[in-house]
C-alpha atoms as a PDB file:
ATOM      1  CA  UNK A   1     -22.409  32.285 -45.466  1.00  0.00           C
ATOM      2  CA  UNK A   2     -19.229  34.131 -44.702  1.00  0.00           C
ATOM      3  CA  UNK A   3     -15.966  34.552 -46.480  1.00  0.00           C
ATOM      4  CA  UNK A   4     -12.645  35.382 -44.906  1.00  0.00           C
ATOM      5  CA  UNK A   5     -10.290  37.538 -46.900  1.00  0.00           C
ATOM      6  CA  UNK A   6      -6.687  36.393 -46.560  1.00  0.00           C
ATOM      7  CA  UNK A   7      -5.157  39.832 -47.178  1.00  0.00           C
ATOM      8  CA  UNK A   8      -7.134  41.800 -44.635  1.00  0.00           C
ATOM      9  CA  UNK A   9      -8.385  39.128 -42.234  1.00  0.00           C
ATOM     10  CA  UNK A  10     -11.830  40.810 -42.377  1.00  0.00           C
ATOM     11  CA  UNK A  11     -14.962  38.670 -42.480  1.00  0.00           C
ATOM     12  CA  UNK A  12     -17.676  39.255 -45.041  1.00  0.00           C
ATOM     13  CA  UNK A  13     -21.293  38.415 -44.253  1.00  0.00           C
ATOM     14  CA  UNK A  14     -24.163  37.762 -46.623  1.00  0.00           C
ATOM     15  CA  UNK A  15     -26.874  40.380 -46.218  1.00  0.00           C
ATOM     16  CA  UNK A  16     -30.090  38.677 -45.146  1.00  0.00           C
ATOM     17  CA  UNK A  17     -32.166  40.685 -47.643  1.00  0.00           C
ATOM     18  CA  UNK A  18     -30.096  41.635 -50.715  1.00  0.00           C
ATOM     19  CA  UNK A  19     -27.536  38.786 -50.343  1.00  0.00           C
ATOM     20  CA  UNK A  20     -24.553  41.037 -51.085  1.00  0.00           C
ATOM     21  CA  UNK A  21     -21.347  40.185 -49.233  1.00  0.00           C
ATOM     22  CA  UNK A  22     -20.576  43.005 -46.828  1.00  0.00           C
ATOM     23  CA  UNK A  23     -17.531  43.521 -44.596  1.00  0.00           C
ATOM     24  CA  UNK A  24     -18.071  42.850 -40.913  1.00  0.00           C
ATOM     25  CA  UNK A  25     -17.306  46.477 -40.110  1.00  0.00           C
ATOM     26  CA  UNK A  26     -20.218  47.593 -42.312  1.00  0.00           C
ATOM     27  CA  UNK A  27     -22.706  45.055 -40.956  1.00  0.00           C
ATOM     28  CA  UNK A  28     -25.246  46.893 -38.808  1.00  0.00           C
ATOM     29  CA  UNK A  29     -27.273  43.974 -37.411  1.00  0.00           C
ATOM     30  CA  UNK A  30     -27.260  40.181 -37.312  1.00  0.00           C
ATOM     31  CA  UNK A  31     -30.029  37.596 -37.546  1.00  0.00           C
ATOM     32  CA  UNK A  32     -29.748  33.847 -37.026  1.00  0.00           C
ATOM     33  CA  UNK A  33     -31.940  31.643 -39.237  1.00  0.00           C
ATOM     34  CA  UNK A  34     -31.709  27.849 -38.896  1.00  0.00           C
ATOM     35  CA  UNK A  35     -28.334  28.172 -37.136  1.00  0.00           C
ATOM     36  CA  UNK A  36     -26.916  30.360 -39.946  1.00  0.00           C
ATOM     37  CA  UNK A  37     -25.890  33.886 -38.972  1.00  0.00           C
ATOM     38  CA  UNK A  38     -26.745  36.596 -41.486  1.00  0.00           C
ATOM     39  CA  UNK A  39     -25.913  40.279 -41.350  1.00  0.00           C
ATOM     40  CA  UNK A  40     -27.737  43.305 -42.726  1.00  0.00           C
ATOM     41  CA  UNK A  41     -26.214  46.011 -44.881  1.00  0.00           C
ATOM     42  CA  UNK A  42     -27.120  49.577 -43.928  1.00  0.00           C
ATOM     43  CA  UNK A  43     -29.604  50.038 -46.802  1.00  0.00           C
ATOM     44  CA  UNK A  44     -31.567  46.841 -46.107  1.00  0.00           C
ATOM     45  CA  UNK A  45     -31.562  47.458 -42.354  1.00  0.00           C
ATOM     46  CA  UNK A  46     -32.941  50.970 -42.880  1.00  0.00           C
ATOM     47  CA  UNK A  47     -35.670  49.635 -45.198  1.00  0.00           C
ATOM     48  CA  UNK A  48     -36.639  46.502 -43.207  1.00  0.00           C
ATOM     49  CA  UNK A  49     -39.886  47.939 -41.813  1.00  0.00           C
ATOM     50  CA  UNK A  50     -40.981  49.293 -45.199  1.00  0.00           C
ATOM     51  CA  UNK A  51     -40.294  45.898 -46.857  1.00  0.00           C
ATOM     52  CA  UNK A  52     -42.270  44.055 -44.154  1.00  0.00           C
ATOM     53  CA  UNK A  53     -45.183  46.477 -44.488  1.00  0.00           C
ATOM     54  CA  UNK A  54     -45.330  46.066 -48.274  1.00  0.00           C
ATOM     55  CA  UNK A  55     -45.222  42.264 -48.041  1.00  0.00           C
ATOM     56  CA  UNK A  56     -47.899  42.159 -45.362  1.00  0.00           C
ATOM     57  CA  UNK A  57     -45.508  41.137 -42.560  1.00  0.00           C
END
């Protein structure tokens, strides 16, 4: 999911983990799932390995 802001022209991406909408300039990584492109916010990207370890992944 993405949302385009009319005032700034900046895209917002849904964070793959926390689902917050984050500006494209703050998105640190992207991941495509079933032809939908998600981004990662800085916090979720930094914690991705810890989350996977805790969930057994």
